[in-house]
Amino acid sequence: MKQSGVTLIGLLVGMVISLIVVLGMVMLYRTSIAIALDATQSAQRDGQLASGLLAANISAQGAGFELVSPQYGQDLVVLGLPNGTVEWGGDWSQWSLVASDGSTGTVVHGAAVVWRSKDLSGQEICEALVPNPNLNGVRNGGGLAHYRSPADSACASASNWTSISWGEPRLLIDKARIDMQLRFTPCKPFGIEKGDGGAQLTLFALNSNQVAKYYDQRTKEIGPQDTESLSPQAIASTLVNGKAQEVTRSSVCLANYPS
C-alpha cells in the first residue's frame, strides 16, 4: 500500500512562505503606524499654528488703543536682527529698528514687532511678538512668543524696547519659523465698517504640507528641527513654481493706527 504525507522539503518551503507573509504584514503594520503618527503630528502642528496666529492677531489688534495719533518708530516698531546674526539669545539689545517713515504704500519686513497702548484703566503698556528663544537652546525662529510689560511699569515708548521691563513670555507657536511684514495701507478690521486703520500686520509661516513640498523639490529628508530654520519669505519664490500664495499668511488690520 502506497503511503502519502508531508516531506521535509515541503515543510521547509511552507515555513519560508509563511515567514515571508508574516514579515510583509509586520512591515505593512509599521508603515501604517508611521503614516498615522506623521499625520497626527502634522495635524497637531497645523492646529497649533492656526490658533497661535489667531492669538497673535488678537493681541496685535490692540496696538495704539487709547493713544492720540500713534506714530511708527515711537508707538509701533518692527525689529530685525543685525546682518550676520542668525540667533536671538534673549538679549533685547540685539534687535535693531527697521526704519520707515510710515508713509502709505511703505512695506517693512522683520522678525519682531513691538507696540504701545493703554489698558482699560488708562495704564500705558507695551507688548511684543518675538521669536521664542527658549526652544532648542537659542534657535532663531523656534516659535513665537507674546511679551507684555507689567501693569505697574509705565511704558512711555515702544522705541525703548531694550529698557522695557518685560514680563514672562506667553508661547503662542512652537516649532515654526515666523516672519512679519508691516504694510502702511488703508484697511478695515474684520467686522468693523467704520474707522479705517492705516497699517496691516501680516505673519508668514509654513504649514506641514508646504514644508513637505519644499523638501520634496530638493529631495531632502525632513529632520525634527528643520522646520524652524526655514524662512517663508526667503523661500516663497521657490516653494512651488514661484507661487508665493503657497506660504501661509495671517493678516490683521491695526485699526488704531491712523491712515
C-alpha atoms as a PDB file:
ATOM      1  CA  MET A   1       0.000   0.000   0.000  1.00  0.00           C
ATOM      2  CA  LYS A   2       1.362   3.386  -1.070  1.00  0.00           C
ATOM      3  CA  GLN A   3       1.708   5.922   1.788  1.00  0.00           C
ATOM      4  CA  SER A   4       1.477   9.738   1.426  1.00  0.00           C
ATOM      5  CA  GLY A   5       2.479  12.603   3.739  1.00  0.00           C
ATOM      6  CA  VAL A   6       4.449  15.825   4.163  1.00  0.00           C
ATOM      7  CA  THR A   7       8.052  15.727   3.170  1.00  0.00           C
ATOM      8  CA  LEU A   8      10.735  17.656   4.975  1.00  0.00           C
ATOM      9  CA  ILE A   9      11.360  19.797   1.887  1.00  0.00           C
ATOM     10  CA  GLY A  10       7.666  20.638   1.574  1.00  0.00           C
ATOM     11  CA  LEU A  11       7.545  21.622   5.255  1.00  0.00           C
ATOM     12  CA  LEU A  12      10.559  23.904   4.898  1.00  0.00           C
ATOM     13  CA  VAL A  13       9.085  25.572   1.802  1.00  0.00           C
ATOM     14  CA  GLY A  14       5.819  26.168   3.643  1.00  0.00           C
ATOM     15  CA  MET A  15       7.637  27.711   6.613  1.00  0.00           C
ATOM     16  CA  VAL A  16       9.578  30.048   4.320  1.00  0.00           C
ATOM     17  CA  ILE A  17       6.387  31.199   2.598  1.00  0.00           C
ATOM     18  CA  SER A  18       4.708  31.741   5.991  1.00  0.00           C
ATOM     19  CA  LEU A  19       7.666  33.789   7.239  1.00  0.00           C
ATOM     20  CA  ILE A  20       7.563  35.965   4.113  1.00  0.00           C
ATOM     21  CA  VAL A  21       3.836  36.600   4.633  1.00  0.00           C
ATOM     22  CA  VAL A  22       4.330  37.421   8.325  1.00  0.00           C
ATOM     23  CA  LEU A  23       7.225  39.779   7.582  1.00  0.00           C
ATOM     24  CA  GLY A  24       5.131  41.514   4.924  1.00  0.00           C
ATOM     25  CA  MET A  25       2.283  42.017   7.394  1.00  0.00           C
ATOM     26  CA  VAL A  26       4.700  43.416  10.018  1.00  0.00           C
ATOM     27  CA  MET A  27       6.195  45.850   7.504  1.00  0.00           C
ATOM     28  CA  LEU A  28       2.709  46.943   6.421  1.00  0.00           C
ATOM     29  CA  TYR A  29       1.718  47.469  10.060  1.00  0.00           C
ATOM     30  CA  ARG A  30       4.841  49.539  10.761  1.00  0.00           C
ATOM     31  CA  THR A  31       4.255  51.655   7.678  1.00  0.00           C
ATOM     32  CA  SER A  32       0.620  52.261   8.634  1.00  0.00           C
ATOM     33  CA  ILE A  33       1.602  53.273  12.159  1.00  0.00           C
ATOM     34  CA  ALA A  34       4.321  55.630  10.850  1.00  0.00           C
ATOM     35  CA  ILE A  35       1.899  57.294   8.419  1.00  0.00           C
ATOM     36  CA  ALA A  36      -0.761  57.685  11.122  1.00  0.00           C
ATOM     37  CA  LEU A  37       1.795  59.138  13.534  1.00  0.00           C
ATOM     38  CA  ASP A  38       3.101  61.621  10.962  1.00  0.00           C
ATOM     39  CA  ALA A  39      -0.443  62.663  10.078  1.00  0.00           C
ATOM     40  CA  THR A  40      -1.315  63.138  13.747  1.00  0.00           C
ATOM     41  CA  GLN A  41       1.796  65.217  14.423  1.00  0.00           C
ATOM     42  CA  SER A  42       1.204  67.326  11.307  1.00  0.00           C
ATOM     43  CA  ALA A  43      -2.418  67.922  12.283  1.00  0.00           C
ATOM     44  CA  GLN A  44      -1.413  68.927  15.804  1.00  0.00           C
ATOM     45  CA  ARG A  45       1.281  71.281  14.499  1.00  0.00           C
ATOM     46  CA  ASP A  46      -1.008  72.895  11.932  1.00  0.00           C
ATOM     47  CA  GLY A  47      -3.776  73.267  14.509  1.00  0.00           C
ATOM     48  CA  GLN A  48      -1.392  74.938  16.941  1.00  0.00           C
ATOM     49  CA  LEU A  49      -0.044  77.136  14.152  1.00  0.00           C
ATOM     50  CA  ALA A  50      -3.542  78.308  13.212  1.00  0.00           C
ATOM     51  CA  SER A  51      -4.580  79.014  16.811  1.00  0.00           C
ATOM     52  CA  GLY A  52      -1.244  80.731  17.511  1.00  0.00           C
ATOM     53  CA  LEU A  53      -1.584  83.034  14.505  1.00  0.00           C
ATOM     54  CA  LEU A  54      -5.120  83.906  15.599  1.00  0.00           C
ATOM     55  CA  ALA A  55      -3.956  84.676  19.154  1.00  0.00           C
ATOM     56  CA  ALA A  56      -1.127  86.840  17.796  1.00  0.00           C
ATOM     57  CA  ASN A  57      -3.571  88.779  15.616  1.00  0.00           C
ATOM     58  CA  ILE A  58      -5.947  89.359  18.521  1.00  0.00           C
ATOM     59  CA  SER A  59      -3.079  90.692  20.644  1.00  0.00           C
ATOM     60  CA  ALA A  60      -1.750  92.960  17.879  1.00  0.00           C
ATOM     61  CA  GLN A  61      -5.193  94.359  17.126  1.00  0.00           C
ATOM     62  CA  GLY A  62      -4.948  96.414  20.322  1.00  0.00           C
ATOM     63  CA  ALA A  63      -1.855  98.305  19.105  1.00  0.00           C
ATOM     64  CA  GLY A  64      -2.339 102.032  19.687  1.00  0.00           C
ATOM     65  CA  PHE A  65      -5.514 101.631  21.754  1.00  0.00           C
ATOM     66  CA  GLU A  66      -6.431 104.910  23.524  1.00  0.00           C
ATOM     67  CA  LEU A  67      -3.371 106.709  22.093  1.00  0.00           C
ATOM     68  CA  VAL A  68      -3.690 110.022  20.268  1.00  0.00           C
ATOM     69  CA  SER A  69      -2.268 109.693  16.731  1.00  0.00           C
ATOM     70  CA  PRO A  70       0.203 106.856  17.390  1.00  0.00           C
ATOM     71  CA  GLN A  71       3.318 107.002  15.202  1.00  0.00           C
ATOM     72  CA  TYR A  72       5.583 104.398  13.677  1.00  0.00           C
ATOM     73  CA  GLY A  73       9.022 104.478  15.273  1.00  0.00           C
ATOM     74  CA  GLN A  74       7.594 105.570  18.603  1.00  0.00           C
ATOM     75  CA  ASP A  75       4.386 103.675  19.364  1.00  0.00           C
ATOM     76  CA  LEU A  76       4.831 100.872  16.848  1.00  0.00           C
ATOM     77  CA  VAL A  77       8.154  99.406  15.714  1.00  0.00           C
ATOM     78  CA  VAL A  78       9.240  96.448  13.599  1.00  0.00           C
ATOM     79  CA  LEU A  79      12.552  94.916  14.652  1.00  0.00           C
ATOM     80  CA  GLY A  80      15.175  92.834  12.915  1.00  0.00           C
ATOM     81  CA  LEU A  81      18.485  91.263  13.868  1.00  0.00           C
ATOM     82  CA  PRO A  82      21.750  92.775  12.587  1.00  0.00           C
ATOM     83  CA  ASN A  83      23.136  91.356   9.359  1.00  0.00           C
ATOM     84  CA  GLY A  84      25.001  88.131  10.002  1.00  0.00           C
ATOM     85  CA  THR A  85      23.072  87.369  13.179  1.00  0.00           C
ATOM     86  CA  VAL A  86      21.013  84.208  12.893  1.00  0.00           C
ATOM     87  CA  GLU A  87      20.022  83.600  16.502  1.00  0.00           C
ATOM     88  CA  TRP A  88      18.341  85.669  19.177  1.00  0.00           C
ATOM     89  CA  GLY A  89      19.637  84.707  22.578  1.00  0.00           C
ATOM     90  CA  GLY A  90      17.028  86.611  24.565  1.00  0.00           C
ATOM     91  CA  ASP A  91      19.051  89.854  24.727  1.00  0.00           C
ATOM     92  CA  TRP A  92      16.704  92.674  23.688  1.00  0.00           C
ATOM     93  CA  SER A  93      19.658  94.888  22.727  1.00  0.00           C
ATOM     94  CA  GLN A  94      20.287  92.560  19.759  1.00  0.00           C
ATOM     95  CA  TRP A  95      17.253  93.923  17.949  1.00  0.00           C
ATOM     96  CA  SER A  96      17.512  96.919  15.627  1.00  0.00           C
ATOM     97  CA  LEU A  97      14.724  99.135  14.316  1.00  0.00           C
ATOM     98  CA  VAL A  98      13.592  98.537  10.733  1.00  0.00           C
ATOM     99  CA  ALA A  99      13.447 102.157   9.598  1.00  0.00           C
ATOM    100  CA  SER A 100      10.430 103.578   7.783  1.00  0.00           C
ATOM    101  CA  ASP A 101       8.707 106.961   7.550  1.00  0.00           C
ATOM    102  CA  GLY A 102       5.303 105.294   7.797  1.00  0.00           C
ATOM    103  CA  SER A 103       4.077 106.731   4.511  1.00  0.00           C
ATOM    104  CA  THR A 104       1.264 104.974   2.660  1.00  0.00           C
ATOM    105  CA  GLY A 105       2.495 102.146   0.480  1.00  0.00           C
ATOM    106  CA  THR A 106       5.624 101.500   2.515  1.00  0.00           C
ATOM    107  CA  VAL A 107       6.329  97.897   3.491  1.00  0.00           C
ATOM    108  CA  VAL A 108       8.768  96.832   6.215  1.00  0.00           C
ATOM    109  CA  HIS A 109       9.897  93.270   6.927  1.00  0.00           C
ATOM    110  CA  GLY A 110      11.189  91.955  10.241  1.00  0.00           C
ATOM    111  CA  ALA A 111      11.079  89.166  12.779  1.00  0.00           C
ATOM    112  CA  ALA A 112       9.592  91.021  15.764  1.00  0.00           C
ATOM    113  CA  VAL A 113       7.107  93.808  16.414  1.00  0.00           C
ATOM    114  CA  VAL A 114       6.627  95.996  19.498  1.00  0.00           C
ATOM    115  CA  TRP A 115       3.682  98.321  20.153  1.00  0.00           C
ATOM    116  CA  ARG A 116       2.335 100.641  22.824  1.00  0.00           C
ATOM    117  CA  SER A 117      -1.229 101.105  24.008  1.00  0.00           C
ATOM    118  CA  LYS A 118      -3.308 101.703  27.124  1.00  0.00           C
ATOM    119  CA  ASP A 119      -5.309  99.178  29.072  1.00  0.00           C
ATOM    120  CA  LEU A 120      -8.872  99.757  30.262  1.00  0.00           C
ATOM    121  CA  SER A 121      -7.619 101.512  33.397  1.00  0.00           C
ATOM    122  CA  GLY A 122      -5.600 104.010  31.336  1.00  0.00           C
ATOM    123  CA  GLN A 123      -2.222 102.470  32.221  1.00  0.00           C
ATOM    124  CA  GLU A 124       0.365 102.639  29.431  1.00  0.00           C
ATOM    125  CA  ILE A 125       1.615  99.189  28.437  1.00  0.00           C
ATOM    126  CA  CYS A 126       3.897  97.741  25.789  1.00  0.00           C
ATOM    127  CA  GLU A 127       3.519  94.391  24.054  1.00  0.00           C
ATOM    128  CA  ALA A 128       5.675  92.449  21.609  1.00  0.00           C
ATOM    129  CA  LEU A 129       5.614  89.452  19.300  1.00  0.00           C
ATOM    130  CA  VAL A 130       9.081  87.916  19.022  1.00  0.00           C
ATOM    131  CA  PRO A 131      10.662  84.519  18.254  1.00  0.00           C
ATOM    132  CA  ASN A 132      10.801  82.264  21.278  1.00  0.00           C
ATOM    133  CA  PRO A 133      14.457  81.920  22.373  1.00  0.00           C
ATOM    134  CA  ASN A 134      13.888  79.074  24.808  1.00  0.00           C
ATOM    135  CA  LEU A 135      13.177  76.294  22.332  1.00  0.00           C
ATOM    136  CA  ASN A 136      16.107  74.043  21.414  1.00  0.00           C
ATOM    137  CA  GLY A 137      18.546  76.384  23.133  1.00  0.00           C
ATOM    138  CA  VAL A 138      18.571  79.663  21.248  1.00  0.00           C
ATOM    139  CA  ARG A 139      17.400  78.522  17.812  1.00  0.00           C
ATOM    140  CA  ASN A 140      16.195  81.548  15.861  1.00  0.00           C
ATOM    141  CA  GLY A 141      12.549  81.349  14.903  1.00  0.00           C
ATOM    142  CA  GLY A 142      11.835  78.346  17.102  1.00  0.00           C
ATOM    143  CA  GLY A 143       8.335  79.621  17.727  1.00  0.00           C
ATOM    144  CA  LEU A 144       6.500  82.840  18.516  1.00  0.00           C
ATOM    145  CA  ALA A 145       6.047  84.357  21.968  1.00  0.00           C
ATOM    146  CA  HIS A 146       3.906  87.241  23.202  1.00  0.00           C
ATOM    147  CA  TYR A 147       5.501  89.616  25.710  1.00  0.00           C
ATOM    148  CA  ARG A 148       3.716  92.245  27.804  1.00  0.00           C
ATOM    149  CA  SER A 149       5.082  94.826  30.199  1.00  0.00           C
ATOM    150  CA  PRO A 150       3.778  94.555  33.786  1.00  0.00           C
ATOM    151  CA  ALA A 151       0.835  96.800  34.699  1.00  0.00           C
ATOM    152  CA  ASP A 152       2.860  98.568  37.385  1.00  0.00           C
ATOM    153  CA  SER A 153       5.587  99.720  34.953  1.00  0.00           C
ATOM    154  CA  ALA A 154       4.618 102.578  32.653  1.00  0.00           C
ATOM    155  CA  CYS A 155       5.654 102.194  29.019  1.00  0.00           C
ATOM    156  CA  ALA A 156       6.276 105.628  27.521  1.00  0.00           C
ATOM    157  CA  SER A 157       7.541 104.477  24.117  1.00  0.00           C
ATOM    158  CA  ALA A 158       7.836 101.272  22.126  1.00  0.00           C
ATOM    159  CA  SER A 159      11.112 102.623  20.721  1.00  0.00           C
ATOM    160  CA  ASN A 160      12.700 101.949  24.138  1.00  0.00           C
ATOM    161  CA  TRP A 161      12.261  98.186  23.775  1.00  0.00           C
ATOM    162  CA  THR A 162      15.653  97.489  25.361  1.00  0.00           C
ATOM    163  CA  SER A 163      14.753  99.219  28.636  1.00  0.00           C
ATOM    164  CA  ILE A 164      11.185  97.967  28.991  1.00  0.00           C
ATOM    165  CA  SER A 165      10.549  95.700  31.969  1.00  0.00           C
ATOM    166  CA  TRP A 166       9.106  92.721  30.112  1.00  0.00           C
ATOM    167  CA  GLY A 167       7.075  90.095  31.917  1.00  0.00           C
ATOM    168  CA  GLU A 168       7.219  86.348  31.347  1.00  0.00           C
ATOM    169  CA  PRO A 169       6.513  85.423  27.710  1.00  0.00           C
ATOM    170  CA  ARG A 170       3.412  83.550  26.595  1.00  0.00           C
ATOM    171  CA  LEU A 171       4.250  80.915  23.985  1.00  0.00           C
ATOM    172  CA  LEU A 172       1.837  81.135  21.047  1.00  0.00           C
ATOM    173  CA  ILE A 173       3.509  78.960  18.395  1.00  0.00           C
ATOM    174  CA  ASP A 174       6.026  76.167  18.827  1.00  0.00           C
ATOM    175  CA  LYS A 175       8.413  74.622  16.266  1.00  0.00           C
ATOM    176  CA  ALA A 176       7.769  77.013  13.391  1.00  0.00           C
ATOM    177  CA  ARG A 177       9.584  79.898  11.724  1.00  0.00           C
ATOM    178  CA  ILE A 178       7.536  83.125  11.736  1.00  0.00           C
ATOM    179  CA  ASP A 179       8.307  86.197   9.634  1.00  0.00           C
ATOM    180  CA  MET A 180       6.476  89.524   9.751  1.00  0.00           C
ATOM    181  CA  GLN A 181       5.518  92.294   7.385  1.00  0.00           C
ATOM    182  CA  LEU A 182       4.001  95.674   8.207  1.00  0.00           C
ATOM    183  CA  ARG A 183       2.301  97.414   5.299  1.00  0.00           C
ATOM    184  CA  PHE A 184       1.138 101.008   5.619  1.00  0.00           C
ATOM    185  CA  THR A 185      -2.134 100.924   3.748  1.00  0.00           C
ATOM    186  CA  PRO A 186      -5.786 101.771   4.457  1.00  0.00           C
ATOM    187  CA  CYS A 187      -7.553  98.725   5.889  1.00  0.00           C
ATOM    188  CA  LYS A 188     -10.631  97.695   7.826  1.00  0.00           C
ATOM    189  CA  PRO A 189     -10.684  95.249  10.723  1.00  0.00           C
ATOM    190  CA  PHE A 190     -12.885  92.210  10.244  1.00  0.00           C
ATOM    191  CA  GLY A 191     -16.483  93.002  11.185  1.00  0.00           C
ATOM    192  CA  ILE A 192     -15.913  96.761  11.611  1.00  0.00           C
ATOM    193  CA  GLU A 193     -17.395  99.074   8.996  1.00  0.00           C
ATOM    194  CA  LYS A 194     -16.301 102.409  10.436  1.00  0.00           C
ATOM    195  CA  GLY A 195     -12.874 103.630  11.455  1.00  0.00           C
ATOM    196  CA  ASP A 196     -10.277 102.777   8.839  1.00  0.00           C
ATOM    197  CA  GLY A 197      -6.862 101.697  10.007  1.00  0.00           C
ATOM    198  CA  GLY A 198      -3.633 102.721   8.362  1.00  0.00           C
ATOM    199  CA  ALA A 199      -1.391  99.684   8.887  1.00  0.00           C
ATOM    200  CA  GLN A 200      -1.703  95.969   8.279  1.00  0.00           C
ATOM    201  CA  LEU A 201       0.436  93.395  10.062  1.00  0.00           C
ATOM    202  CA  THR A 202       0.955  90.071   8.270  1.00  0.00           C
ATOM    203  CA  LEU A 203       2.543  86.973   9.805  1.00  0.00           C
ATOM    204  CA  PHE A 204       4.088  84.365   7.479  1.00  0.00           C
ATOM    205  CA  ALA A 205       4.576  80.688   8.297  1.00  0.00           C
ATOM    206  CA  LEU A 206       4.712  77.266   6.639  1.00  0.00           C
ATOM    207  CA  ASN A 207       2.214  74.528   7.397  1.00  0.00           C
ATOM    208  CA  SER A 208       3.209  70.869   7.293  1.00  0.00           C
ATOM    209  CA  ASN A 209       2.101  70.359   3.693  1.00  0.00           C
ATOM    210  CA  GLN A 210       4.090  73.369   2.484  1.00  0.00           C
ATOM    211  CA  VAL A 211       7.185  72.220   4.361  1.00  0.00           C
ATOM    212  CA  ALA A 212       6.895  68.803   2.719  1.00  0.00           C
ATOM    213  CA  LYS A 213       6.563  70.361  -0.749  1.00  0.00           C
ATOM    214  CA  TYR A 214       9.626  72.495  -0.121  1.00  0.00           C
ATOM    215  CA  TYR A 215      11.751  69.499   0.828  1.00  0.00           C
ATOM    216  CA  ASP A 216      10.328  67.221  -1.872  1.00  0.00           C
ATOM    217  CA  GLN A 217      11.627  69.622  -4.508  1.00  0.00           C
ATOM    218  CA  ARG A 218      15.097  69.262  -3.027  1.00  0.00           C
ATOM    219  CA  THR A 219      14.877  65.520  -2.312  1.00  0.00           C
ATOM    220  CA  LYS A 220      15.929  66.240   1.250  1.00  0.00           C
ATOM    221  CA  GLU A 221      14.678  64.298   4.227  1.00  0.00           C
ATOM    222  CA  ILE A 222      12.913  66.411   6.843  1.00  0.00           C
ATOM    223  CA  GLY A 223      14.559  66.426  10.246  1.00  0.00           C
ATOM    224  CA  PRO A 224      12.754  67.286  13.506  1.00  0.00           C
ATOM    225  CA  GLN A 225      14.468  70.669  13.729  1.00  0.00           C
ATOM    226  CA  ASP A 226      14.421  71.681  10.068  1.00  0.00           C
ATOM    227  CA  THR A 227      11.095  73.496  10.073  1.00  0.00           C
ATOM    228  CA  GLU A 228      12.371  76.155  12.480  1.00  0.00           C
ATOM    229  CA  SER A 229      15.249  77.127  10.187  1.00  0.00           C
ATOM    230  CA  LEU A 230      13.105  77.891   7.129  1.00  0.00           C
ATOM    231  CA  SER A 231      12.269  81.473   6.231  1.00  0.00           C
ATOM    232  CA  PRO A 232       8.855  81.661   4.494  1.00  0.00           C
ATOM    233  CA  GLN A 233       9.691  84.962   2.817  1.00  0.00           C
ATOM    234  CA  ALA A 234      13.068  83.679   1.623  1.00  0.00           C
ATOM    235  CA  ILE A 235      11.688  80.522   0.016  1.00  0.00           C
ATOM    236  CA  ALA A 236       8.312  81.841  -1.147  1.00  0.00           C
ATOM    237  CA  SER A 237       9.553  82.327  -4.706  1.00  0.00           C
ATOM    238  CA  THR A 238      10.920  78.786  -4.918  1.00  0.00           C
ATOM    239  CA  LEU A 239       8.387  76.893  -2.840  1.00  0.00           C
ATOM    240  CA  VAL A 240       6.083  75.703  -5.625  1.00  0.00           C
ATOM    241  CA  ASN A 241       6.780  77.111  -9.075  1.00  0.00           C
ATOM    242  CA  GLY A 242       7.324  80.582  -7.680  1.00  0.00           C
ATOM    243  CA  LYS A 243       3.818  80.866  -6.219  1.00  0.00           C
ATOM    244  CA  ALA A 244       4.081  82.952  -3.060  1.00  0.00           C
ATOM    245  CA  GLN A 245       0.498  82.083  -2.094  1.00  0.00           C
ATOM    246  CA  GLU A 246       1.800  78.684  -1.014  1.00  0.00           C
ATOM    247  CA  VAL A 247       3.090  80.424   2.117  1.00  0.00           C
ATOM    248  CA  THR A 248       0.548  80.515   4.936  1.00  0.00           C
ATOM    249  CA  ARG A 249      -0.181  84.092   5.918  1.00  0.00           C
ATOM    250  CA  SER A 250      -2.392  85.721   8.518  1.00  0.00           C
ATOM    251  CA  SER A 251      -3.137  89.453   8.444  1.00  0.00           C
ATOM    252  CA  VAL A 252      -4.689  91.854  10.920  1.00  0.00           C
ATOM    253  CA  CYS A 253      -5.636  95.499  10.442  1.00  0.00           C
ATOM    254  CA  LEU A 254      -4.273  97.799  13.139  1.00  0.00           C
ATOM    255  CA  ALA A 255      -7.396  99.934  13.419  1.00  0.00           C
ATOM    256  CA  ASN A 256      -5.936 102.336  15.988  1.00  0.00           C
ATOM    257  CA  TYR A 257      -3.034 103.274  13.759  1.00  0.00           C
ATOM    258  CA  PRO A 258      -4.155 106.336  11.740  1.00  0.00           C
ATOM    259  CA  SER A 259      -4.403 106.148   7.960  1.00  0.00           C
END
